[in-house]
Amino acid sequence: MKVLVATEKPFAKAAVDGIRQIVESAGFELALLEKYTDVNDFYKAVADADALIVRSDKVTKEVIEHAKNLKIVVRAGAGFDNLDLAACTEHKIVAMNTPGQNSNAVAELAAGLMVFMNRNMFNPGTGSELKGKKLGIHAYGNVGRNVARVAKGLGMDIYAFDAFCPKEVIEKDGVKAVASVEELYSTCHVVSLHIPATKETVDSINYDLVNRMPKGAMLVNTARKEVIHEADMVRLLNDRPDFRYVTDIKPGNHDELAEKFPTRYFSTPKKMGAETAEANINAGLAAANQIVDFIKNGVTKFQVNK
């Protein structure tokens, strides 16, 4: 049984060592494809693999068609839009993610971005505090719950909307559940986005929704680039001198935003949410354990395709 770890951007050495221990202790073989620059190398490496672990690497229909023995692919991380789920299902391959492993890292980043923007991007001048401000958490999953935990320490007044999370679960954490996404945005000074990129959510964070936010509004996006209506962000920043947008996913119109709104828009150079040593290790080990559990025991708890 061969497990391939294919990572254009490799795991930390501690993560690779841990993955190897898990895989080899189960009696499986581990193969590594790291820092590859040609997709053909990926095609060759996956040809005889029974299981596959990736990070942000794209597991396309073409990759899957080259993987004649593949039974399972695990994306080490919460998002899984880099996996062609339809192709996985067509070829009877189980696709999984590792939810929760990066959650604290993303939550701490979201809080850091809020502080950064509220303190004038650490430039001279009078900023403002987050204490007492109303924070809206858009999607109350693993990351959203960690954001709530961190925000409590900052003294924020916390609200959340999640169409799939019961009100009782949200309110058990001392967070106010609102009835609609419109209510969330109308109520909160800061909104932290944690929705996935789906057919329903792409471009859903648009002018009409975000413009509901009170004066001094800030939108924080550590979720997915695709959920933002990028042209509407330009319009919002143009129309509302009080509005700020901060993200760790560089928009397609980044240059325009940075040039026009240098004090109210900021994007990190690359996706930073899971960029901690702890998250890197946690996600890799979880992926390896899930593969072993699937191969040996048929466990499909974190399957994301049908």
C-alpha atoms as a PDB file:
ATOM      1  CA  MET A   1       0.000   0.000   0.000  1.00  0.00           C
ATOM      2  CA  LYS A   2       1.673   3.200  -1.195  1.00  0.00           C
ATOM      3  CA  VAL A   3       0.913   6.631   0.263  1.00  0.00           C
ATOM      4  CA  LEU A   4       2.126   9.615  -1.767  1.00  0.00           C
ATOM      5  CA  VAL A   5       2.638  13.056  -0.241  1.00  0.00           C
ATOM      6  CA  ALA A   6       2.608  15.498  -3.172  1.00  0.00           C
ATOM      7  CA  THR A   7       3.365  19.042  -2.041  1.00  0.00           C
ATOM      8  CA  GLU A   8       4.548  21.811  -4.313  1.00  0.00           C
ATOM      9  CA  LYS A   9       5.061  23.698  -1.044  1.00  0.00           C
ATOM     10  CA  PRO A  10       6.342  20.995   1.330  1.00  0.00           C
ATOM     11  CA  PHE A  11       5.271  20.249   4.871  1.00  0.00           C
ATOM     12  CA  ALA A  12       7.709  21.115   7.641  1.00  0.00           C
ATOM     13  CA  LYS A  13      10.257  18.386   8.372  1.00  0.00           C
ATOM     14  CA  ALA A  14       8.559  17.585  11.689  1.00  0.00           C
ATOM     15  CA  ALA A  15       5.280  17.011   9.826  1.00  0.00           C
ATOM     16  CA  VAL A  16       6.923  14.764   7.205  1.00  0.00           C
ATOM     17  CA  ASP A  17       8.659  12.768   9.947  1.00  0.00           C
ATOM     18  CA  GLY A  18       5.350  12.338  11.756  1.00  0.00           C
ATOM     19  CA  ILE A  19       3.524  11.314   8.581  1.00  0.00           C
ATOM     20  CA  ARG A  20       6.247   8.777   7.828  1.00  0.00           C
ATOM     21  CA  GLN A  21       5.987   7.270  11.302  1.00  0.00           C
ATOM     22  CA  ILE A  22       2.196   6.928  11.043  1.00  0.00           C
ATOM     23  CA  VAL A  23       2.273   5.467   7.528  1.00  0.00           C
ATOM     24  CA  GLU A  24       5.171   3.058   8.044  1.00  0.00           C
ATOM     25  CA  SER A  25       3.911   1.919  11.458  1.00  0.00           C
ATOM     26  CA  ALA A  26       0.725   0.857   9.655  1.00  0.00           C
ATOM     27  CA  GLY A  27       2.823  -1.243   7.281  1.00  0.00           C
ATOM     28  CA  PHE A  28       2.453   1.099   4.317  1.00  0.00           C
ATOM     29  CA  GLU A  29       5.073   2.651   2.039  1.00  0.00           C
ATOM     30  CA  LEU A  30       5.565   6.434   1.979  1.00  0.00           C
ATOM     31  CA  ALA A  31       6.626   8.339  -1.157  1.00  0.00           C
ATOM     32  CA  LEU A  32       7.400  12.064  -1.342  1.00  0.00           C
ATOM     33  CA  LEU A  33       7.038  14.478  -4.237  1.00  0.00           C
ATOM     34  CA  GLU A  34       8.122  17.912  -2.999  1.00  0.00           C
ATOM     35  CA  LYS A  35       8.738  21.271  -4.692  1.00  0.00           C
ATOM     36  CA  TYR A  36       7.697  19.923  -8.079  1.00  0.00           C
ATOM     37  CA  THR A  37       7.348  22.473 -10.891  1.00  0.00           C
ATOM     38  CA  ASP A  38       5.974  20.286 -13.672  1.00  0.00           C
ATOM     39  CA  VAL A  39       2.546  18.665 -13.386  1.00  0.00           C
ATOM     40  CA  ASN A  40       3.916  15.723 -15.367  1.00  0.00           C
ATOM     41  CA  ASP A  41       6.027  14.862 -12.330  1.00  0.00           C
ATOM     42  CA  PHE A  42       2.801  14.711 -10.340  1.00  0.00           C
ATOM     43  CA  TYR A  43       1.230  12.442 -12.971  1.00  0.00           C
ATOM     44  CA  LYS A  44       4.178  10.040 -12.777  1.00  0.00           C
ATOM     45  CA  ALA A  45       4.354  10.002  -8.999  1.00  0.00           C
ATOM     46  CA  VAL A  46       0.646   9.314  -8.493  1.00  0.00           C
ATOM     47  CA  ALA A  47       0.494   6.525 -11.097  1.00  0.00           C
ATOM     48  CA  ASP A  48       0.982   3.693  -8.576  1.00  0.00           C
ATOM     49  CA  ALA A  49      -0.202   5.439  -5.392  1.00  0.00           C
ATOM     50  CA  ASP A  50      -3.043   3.952  -3.364  1.00  0.00           C
ATOM     51  CA  ALA A  51      -3.464   7.064  -1.215  1.00  0.00           C
ATOM     52  CA  LEU A  52      -2.587  10.722  -1.683  1.00  0.00           C
ATOM     53  CA  ILE A  53      -1.951  13.621   0.689  1.00  0.00           C
ATOM     54  CA  VAL A  54      -1.831  17.181  -0.693  1.00  0.00           C
ATOM     55  CA  ARG A  55      -1.898  20.713   0.653  1.00  0.00           C
ATOM     56  CA  SER A  56      -3.046  23.350  -1.857  1.00  0.00           C
ATOM     57  CA  ASP A  57      -1.975  21.202  -4.802  1.00  0.00           C
ATOM     58  CA  LYS A  58      -4.666  20.827  -7.457  1.00  0.00           C
ATOM     59  CA  VAL A  59      -5.972  17.289  -7.775  1.00  0.00           C
ATOM     60  CA  THR A  60      -7.575  17.696 -11.177  1.00  0.00           C
ATOM     61  CA  LYS A  61      -9.430  15.249 -13.371  1.00  0.00           C
ATOM     62  CA  GLU A  62      -6.162  14.711 -15.249  1.00  0.00           C
ATOM     63  CA  VAL A  63      -4.279  13.852 -12.059  1.00  0.00           C
ATOM     64  CA  ILE A  64      -6.995  11.396 -11.090  1.00  0.00           C
ATOM     65  CA  GLU A  65      -6.969   9.765 -14.522  1.00  0.00           C
ATOM     66  CA  HIS A  66      -3.256   9.055 -14.079  1.00  0.00           C
ATOM     67  CA  ALA A  67      -3.860   7.541 -10.620  1.00  0.00           C
ATOM     68  CA  LYS A  68      -5.079   4.076 -11.559  1.00  0.00           C
ATOM     69  CA  ASN A  69      -4.716   2.603  -8.033  1.00  0.00           C
ATOM     70  CA  LEU A  70      -5.902   5.605  -6.024  1.00  0.00           C
ATOM     71  CA  LYS A  71      -8.478   4.883  -3.332  1.00  0.00           C
ATOM     72  CA  ILE A  72      -8.321   8.009  -1.166  1.00  0.00           C
ATOM     73  CA  VAL A  73      -7.052  11.587  -1.375  1.00  0.00           C
ATOM     74  CA  VAL A  74      -6.816  13.827   1.693  1.00  0.00           C
ATOM     75  CA  ARG A  75      -6.382  17.564   1.524  1.00  0.00           C
ATOM     76  CA  ALA A  76      -4.408  18.606   4.615  1.00  0.00           C
ATOM     77  CA  GLY A  77      -6.512  21.604   5.563  1.00  0.00           C
ATOM     78  CA  ALA A  78     -10.115  22.703   5.884  1.00  0.00           C
ATOM     79  CA  GLY A  79     -10.836  23.864   2.334  1.00  0.00           C
ATOM     80  CA  PHE A  80     -11.052  21.324  -0.457  1.00  0.00           C
ATOM     81  CA  ASP A  81     -11.820  23.364  -3.565  1.00  0.00           C
ATOM     82  CA  ASN A  82      -8.483  22.202  -5.006  1.00  0.00           C
ATOM     83  CA  LEU A  83      -9.918  18.679  -5.294  1.00  0.00           C
ATOM     84  CA  ASP A  84     -12.057  17.721  -8.299  1.00  0.00           C
ATOM     85  CA  LEU A  85     -14.772  16.018  -6.274  1.00  0.00           C
ATOM     86  CA  ALA A  86     -16.806  14.941  -9.284  1.00  0.00           C
ATOM     87  CA  ALA A  87     -13.796  13.184 -10.797  1.00  0.00           C
ATOM     88  CA  CYS A  88     -13.018  11.551  -7.455  1.00  0.00           C
ATOM     89  CA  THR A  89     -16.561  10.236  -7.214  1.00  0.00           C
ATOM     90  CA  GLU A  90     -16.529   9.052 -10.823  1.00  0.00           C
ATOM     91  CA  HIS A  91     -13.376   7.020 -10.151  1.00  0.00           C
ATOM     92  CA  LYS A  92     -14.677   5.760  -6.780  1.00  0.00           C
ATOM     93  CA  ILE A  93     -12.017   7.662  -4.860  1.00  0.00           C
ATOM     94  CA  VAL A  94     -12.833   8.901  -1.361  1.00  0.00           C
ATOM     95  CA  ALA A  95     -11.930  12.587  -0.930  1.00  0.00           C
ATOM     96  CA  MET A  96     -11.376  14.028   2.541  1.00  0.00           C
ATOM     97  CA  ASN A  97     -10.203  17.182   4.266  1.00  0.00           C
ATOM     98  CA  THR A  98      -8.839  17.665   7.798  1.00  0.00           C
ATOM     99  CA  PRO A  99     -11.257  20.137   9.394  1.00  0.00           C
ATOM    100  CA  GLY A 100     -10.224  21.877  12.577  1.00  0.00           C
ATOM    101  CA  GLN A 101      -6.479  21.361  12.308  1.00  0.00           C
ATOM    102  CA  ASN A 102      -5.777  24.908  11.079  1.00  0.00           C
ATOM    103  CA  SER A 103      -8.595  26.591  12.973  1.00  0.00           C
ATOM    104  CA  ASN A 104      -6.672  28.279  15.744  1.00  0.00           C
ATOM    105  CA  ALA A 105      -4.015  29.533  13.328  1.00  0.00           C
ATOM    106  CA  VAL A 106      -6.646  31.142  11.086  1.00  0.00           C
ATOM    107  CA  ALA A 107      -8.504  32.603  14.068  1.00  0.00           C
ATOM    108  CA  GLU A 108      -5.369  34.213  15.473  1.00  0.00           C
ATOM    109  CA  LEU A 109      -4.591  35.674  12.048  1.00  0.00           C
ATOM    110  CA  ALA A 110      -8.120  37.113  11.752  1.00  0.00           C
ATOM    111  CA  ALA A 111      -7.760  38.768  15.165  1.00  0.00           C
ATOM    112  CA  GLY A 112      -4.326  40.094  14.238  1.00  0.00           C
ATOM    113  CA  LEU A 113      -5.670  41.631  11.024  1.00  0.00           C
ATOM    114  CA  MET A 114      -8.447  43.346  13.010  1.00  0.00           C
ATOM    115  CA  VAL A 115      -5.927  44.886  15.404  1.00  0.00           C
ATOM    116  CA  PHE A 116      -3.641  45.853  12.498  1.00  0.00           C
ATOM    117  CA  MET A 117      -6.383  47.754  10.675  1.00  0.00           C
ATOM    118  CA  ASN A 118      -7.808  49.336  13.823  1.00  0.00           C
ATOM    119  CA  ARG A 119      -4.361  50.679  14.687  1.00  0.00           C
ATOM    120  CA  ASN A 120      -3.820  52.410  11.335  1.00  0.00           C
ATOM    121  CA  MET A 121      -1.735  49.531   9.941  1.00  0.00           C
ATOM    122  CA  PHE A 122       0.765  50.365  12.710  1.00  0.00           C
ATOM    123  CA  ASN A 123       1.421  53.802  11.230  1.00  0.00           C
ATOM    124  CA  PRO A 124       1.483  56.970  13.373  1.00  0.00           C
ATOM    125  CA  GLY A 125      -1.890  58.386  14.325  1.00  0.00           C
ATOM    126  CA  THR A 126      -4.789  57.677  16.637  1.00  0.00           C
ATOM    127  CA  GLY A 127      -6.360  54.271  16.124  1.00  0.00           C
ATOM    128  CA  SER A 128      -9.232  52.599  17.917  1.00  0.00           C
ATOM    129  CA  GLU A 129      -9.745  49.591  20.162  1.00  0.00           C
ATOM    130  CA  LEU A 130     -11.697  46.428  19.465  1.00  0.00           C
ATOM    131  CA  LYS A 131     -13.073  46.223  22.998  1.00  0.00           C
ATOM    132  CA  GLY A 132     -16.817  46.863  22.955  1.00  0.00           C
ATOM    133  CA  LYS A 133     -17.087  46.633  19.169  1.00  0.00           C
ATOM    134  CA  LYS A 134     -19.664  44.300  17.642  1.00  0.00           C
ATOM    135  CA  LEU A 135     -18.042  41.389  15.824  1.00  0.00           C
ATOM    136  CA  GLY A 136     -20.035  39.339  13.329  1.00  0.00           C
ATOM    137  CA  ILE A 137     -18.833  35.839  12.562  1.00  0.00           C
ATOM    138  CA  HIS A 138     -20.128  34.700   9.174  1.00  0.00           C
ATOM    139  CA  ALA A 139     -20.179  30.876   9.458  1.00  0.00           C
ATOM    140  CA  TYR A 140     -19.761  29.309  12.871  1.00  0.00           C
ATOM    141  CA  GLY A 141     -17.616  26.286  12.123  1.00  0.00           C
ATOM    142  CA  ASN A 142     -14.256  25.340  13.588  1.00  0.00           C
ATOM    143  CA  VAL A 143     -12.565  28.604  12.628  1.00  0.00           C
ATOM    144  CA  GLY A 144     -15.552  30.759  13.563  1.00  0.00           C
ATOM    145  CA  ARG A 145     -15.688  29.240  17.036  1.00  0.00           C
ATOM    146  CA  ASN A 146     -12.011  29.921  17.575  1.00  0.00           C
ATOM    147  CA  VAL A 147     -12.473  33.510  16.405  1.00  0.00           C
ATOM    148  CA  ALA A 148     -15.236  33.867  18.993  1.00  0.00           C
ATOM    149  CA  ARG A 149     -12.935  32.503  21.696  1.00  0.00           C
ATOM    150  CA  VAL A 150     -10.141  34.936  20.811  1.00  0.00           C
ATOM    151  CA  ALA A 151     -12.548  37.873  20.444  1.00  0.00           C
ATOM    152  CA  LYS A 152     -13.942  37.274  23.926  1.00  0.00           C
ATOM    153  CA  GLY A 153     -10.480  37.922  25.280  1.00  0.00           C
ATOM    154  CA  LEU A 154     -10.486  41.251  23.431  1.00  0.00           C
ATOM    155  CA  GLY A 155     -13.794  42.203  25.037  1.00  0.00           C
ATOM    156  CA  MET A 156     -15.793  42.253  21.817  1.00  0.00           C
ATOM    157  CA  ASP A 157     -19.577  41.850  21.599  1.00  0.00           C
ATOM    158  CA  ILE A 158     -19.955  38.736  19.438  1.00  0.00           C
ATOM    159  CA  TYR A 159     -22.686  37.775  16.962  1.00  0.00           C
ATOM    160  CA  ALA A 160     -22.813  34.883  14.500  1.00  0.00           C
ATOM    161  CA  PHE A 161     -24.820  33.626  11.554  1.00  0.00           C
ATOM    162  CA  ASP A 162     -24.634  30.111  10.208  1.00  0.00           C
ATOM    163  CA  ALA A 163     -27.524  28.603   8.261  1.00  0.00           C
ATOM    164  CA  PHE A 164     -26.366  25.097   9.192  1.00  0.00           C
ATOM    165  CA  CYS A 165     -25.499  25.573  12.867  1.00  0.00           C
ATOM    166  CA  PRO A 166     -28.341  25.468  15.425  1.00  0.00           C
ATOM    167  CA  LYS A 167     -28.964  28.615  17.425  1.00  0.00           C
ATOM    168  CA  GLU A 168     -28.534  26.642  20.645  1.00  0.00           C
ATOM    169  CA  VAL A 169     -24.984  25.615  19.694  1.00  0.00           C
ATOM    170  CA  ILE A 170     -23.990  29.219  18.985  1.00  0.00           C
ATOM    171  CA  GLU A 171     -25.586  30.645  22.110  1.00  0.00           C
ATOM    172  CA  LYS A 172     -24.069  27.928  24.319  1.00  0.00           C
ATOM    173  CA  ASP A 173     -20.721  29.617  23.598  1.00  0.00           C
ATOM    174  CA  GLY A 174     -21.995  32.984  24.797  1.00  0.00           C
ATOM    175  CA  VAL A 175     -22.391  34.257  21.233  1.00  0.00           C
ATOM    176  CA  LYS A 176     -25.559  35.957  19.992  1.00  0.00           C
ATOM    177  CA  ALA A 177     -27.165  34.059  17.100  1.00  0.00           C
ATOM    178  CA  VAL A 178     -28.846  36.221  14.456  1.00  0.00           C
ATOM    179  CA  ALA A 179     -31.622  35.091  12.148  1.00  0.00           C
ATOM    180  CA  SER A 180     -30.184  36.177   8.810  1.00  0.00           C
ATOM    181  CA  VAL A 181     -26.987  37.189   7.086  1.00  0.00           C
ATOM    182  CA  GLU A 182     -28.515  40.617   6.478  1.00  0.00           C
ATOM    183  CA  GLU A 183     -29.045  41.075  10.209  1.00  0.00           C
ATOM    184  CA  LEU A 184     -25.432  40.116  10.899  1.00  0.00           C
ATOM    185  CA  TYR A 185     -24.048  42.762   8.557  1.00  0.00           C
ATOM    186  CA  SER A 186     -26.525  45.430   9.642  1.00  0.00           C
ATOM    187  CA  THR A 187     -25.562  44.890  13.276  1.00  0.00           C
ATOM    188  CA  CYS A 188     -21.784  44.487  13.340  1.00  0.00           C
ATOM    189  CA  HIS A 189     -18.869  46.914  13.089  1.00  0.00           C
ATOM    190  CA  VAL A 190     -16.518  44.087  12.103  1.00  0.00           C
ATOM    191  CA  VAL A 191     -17.442  40.974  10.111  1.00  0.00           C
ATOM    192  CA  SER A 192     -15.071  38.010   9.917  1.00  0.00           C
ATOM    193  CA  LEU A 193     -15.735  35.698   6.955  1.00  0.00           C
ATOM    194  CA  HIS A 194     -15.443  31.917   7.280  1.00  0.00           C
ATOM    195  CA  ILE A 195     -17.708  30.606   4.526  1.00  0.00           C
ATOM    196  CA  PRO A 196     -16.508  28.077   1.922  1.00  0.00           C
ATOM    197  CA  ALA A 197     -16.440  28.787  -1.808  1.00  0.00           C
ATOM    198  CA  THR A 198     -19.501  27.034  -3.220  1.00  0.00           C
ATOM    199  CA  LYS A 199     -21.912  27.667  -6.073  1.00  0.00           C
ATOM    200  CA  GLU A 200     -24.137  29.503  -3.584  1.00  0.00           C
ATOM    201  CA  THR A 201     -21.430  31.627  -1.950  1.00  0.00           C
ATOM    202  CA  VAL A 202     -19.278  32.745  -4.896  1.00  0.00           C
ATOM    203  CA  ASP A 203     -19.563  36.574  -5.220  1.00  0.00           C
ATOM    204  CA  SER A 204     -22.133  36.551  -2.389  1.00  0.00           C
ATOM    205  CA  ILE A 205     -20.225  39.123  -0.314  1.00  0.00           C
ATOM    206  CA  ASN A 206     -21.369  42.023  -2.438  1.00  0.00           C
ATOM    207  CA  TYR A 207     -22.166  45.717  -2.278  1.00  0.00           C
ATOM    208  CA  ASP A 208     -25.758  45.387  -1.113  1.00  0.00           C
ATOM    209  CA  LEU A 209     -24.829  43.080   1.754  1.00  0.00           C
ATOM    210  CA  VAL A 210     -21.670  44.763   3.034  1.00  0.00           C
ATOM    211  CA  ASN A 211     -23.075  48.279   2.650  1.00  0.00           C
ATOM    212  CA  ARG A 212     -25.517  47.420   5.444  1.00  0.00           C
ATOM    213  CA  MET A 213     -22.666  47.592   7.956  1.00  0.00           C
ATOM    214  CA  PRO A 214     -22.552  50.493  10.452  1.00  0.00           C
ATOM    215  CA  LYS A 215     -20.181  53.446  10.177  1.00  0.00           C
ATOM    216  CA  GLY A 216     -16.535  52.491  10.701  1.00  0.00           C
ATOM    217  CA  ALA A 217     -17.082  49.040   9.219  1.00  0.00           C
ATOM    218  CA  MET A 218     -14.360  46.469   8.619  1.00  0.00           C
ATOM    219  CA  LEU A 219     -14.587  43.267   6.577  1.00  0.00           C
ATOM    220  CA  VAL A 220     -12.017  40.563   7.356  1.00  0.00           C
ATOM    221  CA  ASN A 221     -11.641  37.736   4.843  1.00  0.00           C
ATOM    222  CA  THR A 222      -9.542  34.717   5.823  1.00  0.00           C
ATOM    223  CA  ALA A 223     -11.930  32.368   4.013  1.00  0.00           C
ATOM    224  CA  ARG A 224     -11.834  32.206   0.217  1.00  0.00           C
ATOM    225  CA  LYS A 225     -11.094  34.733  -2.532  1.00  0.00           C
ATOM    226  CA  GLU A 226     -14.060  33.619  -4.647  1.00  0.00           C
ATOM    227  CA  VAL A 227     -16.739  34.591  -2.115  1.00  0.00           C
ATOM    228  CA  ILE A 228     -15.909  38.293  -2.525  1.00  0.00           C
ATOM    229  CA  HIS A 229     -17.479  40.296  -5.341  1.00  0.00           C
ATOM    230  CA  GLU A 230     -14.240  42.095  -6.153  1.00  0.00           C
ATOM    231  CA  ALA A 231     -15.669  44.899  -8.273  1.00  0.00           C
ATOM    232  CA  ASP A 232     -18.095  45.664  -5.446  1.00  0.00           C
ATOM    233  CA  MET A 233     -15.192  46.035  -3.008  1.00  0.00           C
ATOM    234  CA  VAL A 234     -13.848  48.874  -5.162  1.00  0.00           C
ATOM    235  CA  ARG A 235     -17.276  50.479  -5.234  1.00  0.00           C
ATOM    236  CA  LEU A 236     -17.701  50.140  -1.458  1.00  0.00           C
ATOM    237  CA  LEU A 237     -14.314  51.626  -0.692  1.00  0.00           C
ATOM    238  CA  ASN A 238     -15.067  54.456  -3.135  1.00  0.00           C
ATOM    239  CA  ASP A 239     -18.513  55.193  -1.735  1.00  0.00           C
ATOM    240  CA  ARG A 240     -17.676  54.769   1.951  1.00  0.00           C
ATOM    241  CA  PRO A 241     -14.569  56.527   3.309  1.00  0.00           C
ATOM    242  CA  ASP A 242     -15.212  54.785   6.641  1.00  0.00           C
ATOM    243  CA  PHE A 243     -15.063  51.229   5.215  1.00  0.00           C
ATOM    244  CA  ARG A 244     -11.998  48.989   5.454  1.00  0.00           C
ATOM    245  CA  TYR A 245     -11.203  45.646   3.867  1.00  0.00           C
ATOM    246  CA  VAL A 246      -8.443  43.288   4.998  1.00  0.00           C
ATOM    247  CA  THR A 247      -7.659  39.799   3.735  1.00  0.00           C
ATOM    248  CA  ASP A 248      -5.009  37.112   3.485  1.00  0.00           C
ATOM    249  CA  ILE A 249      -6.153  36.134  -0.014  1.00  0.00           C
ATOM    250  CA  LYS A 250      -4.858  38.597  -2.606  1.00  0.00           C
ATOM    251  CA  PRO A 251      -7.789  39.722  -4.817  1.00  0.00           C
ATOM    252  CA  GLY A 252      -7.604  39.719  -8.572  1.00  0.00           C
ATOM    253  CA  ASN A 253      -7.839  43.532  -8.457  1.00  0.00           C
ATOM    254  CA  HIS A 254      -5.238  43.893  -5.686  1.00  0.00           C
ATOM    255  CA  ASP A 255      -3.140  46.504  -7.487  1.00  0.00           C
ATOM    256  CA  GLU A 256      -6.140  48.761  -8.044  1.00  0.00           C
ATOM    257  CA  LEU A 257      -7.265  48.445  -4.410  1.00  0.00           C
ATOM    258  CA  ALA A 258      -3.776  49.030  -3.029  1.00  0.00           C
ATOM    259  CA  GLU A 259      -3.226  52.102  -5.208  1.00  0.00           C
ATOM    260  CA  LYS A 260      -6.604  53.728  -4.566  1.00  0.00           C
ATOM    261  CA  PHE A 261      -7.090  52.833  -0.898  1.00  0.00           C
ATOM    262  CA  PRO A 262      -3.671  52.346   0.715  1.00  0.00           C
ATOM    263  CA  THR A 263      -4.891  53.184   4.229  1.00  0.00           C
ATOM    264  CA  ARG A 264      -8.152  51.198   4.117  1.00  0.00           C
ATOM    265  CA  TYR A 265      -7.224  48.046   2.223  1.00  0.00           C
ATOM    266  CA  PHE A 266      -4.583  45.451   2.983  1.00  0.00           C
ATOM    267  CA  SER A 267      -3.774  41.979   1.700  1.00  0.00           C
ATOM    268  CA  THR A 268      -0.971  39.721   2.845  1.00  0.00           C
ATOM    269  CA  PRO A 269       1.363  38.697   0.009  1.00  0.00           C
ATOM    270  CA  LYS A 270       0.059  35.116   0.144  1.00  0.00           C
ATOM    271  CA  LYS A 271      -2.513  32.989   1.972  1.00  0.00           C
ATOM    272  CA  MET A 272      -1.397  33.079   5.593  1.00  0.00           C
ATOM    273  CA  GLY A 273      -4.177  31.411   7.584  1.00  0.00           C
ATOM    274  CA  ALA A 274      -2.508  28.042   8.091  1.00  0.00           C
ATOM    275  CA  GLU A 275       1.053  29.361   7.988  1.00  0.00           C
ATOM    276  CA  THR A 276       2.097  28.264  11.459  1.00  0.00           C
ATOM    277  CA  ALA A 277       4.365  25.407  12.425  1.00  0.00           C
ATOM    278  CA  GLU A 278       1.620  23.957  14.605  1.00  0.00           C
ATOM    279  CA  ALA A 279      -1.070  23.994  11.906  1.00  0.00           C
ATOM    280  CA  ASN A 280       1.319  22.558   9.339  1.00  0.00           C
ATOM    281  CA  ILE A 281       2.118  19.602  11.569  1.00  0.00           C
ATOM    282  CA  ASN A 282      -1.436  19.067  12.827  1.00  0.00           C
ATOM    283  CA  ALA A 283      -2.972  18.930   9.334  1.00  0.00           C
ATOM    284  CA  GLY A 284      -0.308  16.577   7.968  1.00  0.00           C
ATOM    285  CA  LEU A 285      -0.591  14.122  10.845  1.00  0.00           C
ATOM    286  CA  ALA A 286      -4.374  14.195  10.681  1.00  0.00           C
ATOM    287  CA  ALA A 287      -4.270  13.395   6.950  1.00  0.00           C
ATOM    288  CA  ALA A 288      -1.989  10.406   7.554  1.00  0.00           C
ATOM    289  CA  ASN A 289      -4.136   9.089  10.400  1.00  0.00           C
ATOM    290  CA  GLN A 290      -7.294   9.428   8.304  1.00  0.00           C
ATOM    291  CA  ILE A 291      -5.738   7.437   5.473  1.00  0.00           C
ATOM    292  CA  VAL A 292      -4.667   4.641   7.802  1.00  0.00           C
ATOM    293  CA  ASP A 293      -8.100   4.593   9.443  1.00  0.00           C
ATOM    294  CA  PHE A 294      -9.791   4.436   6.044  1.00  0.00           C
ATOM    295  CA  ILE A 295      -7.571   1.700   4.575  1.00  0.00           C
ATOM    296  CA  LYS A 296      -7.634  -0.468   7.693  1.00  0.00           C
ATOM    297  CA  ASN A 297     -11.093   0.224   9.112  1.00  0.00           C
ATOM    298  CA  GLY A 298     -13.121   1.785   6.286  1.00  0.00           C
ATOM    299  CA  VAL A 299     -13.694   5.011   8.283  1.00  0.00           C
ATOM    300  CA  THR A 300     -14.984   7.854   6.065  1.00  0.00           C
ATOM    301  CA  LYS A 301     -15.825  10.419   8.755  1.00  0.00           C
ATOM    302  CA  PHE A 302     -14.312  13.382   6.914  1.00  0.00           C
ATOM    303  CA  GLN A 303     -15.365  12.417   3.388  1.00  0.00           C
ATOM    304  CA  VAL A 304     -16.383  15.452   1.308  1.00  0.00           C
ATOM    305  CA  ASN A 305     -17.566  13.735  -1.892  1.00  0.00           C
ATOM    306  CA  LYS A 306     -20.376  11.271  -2.459  1.00  0.00           C
END
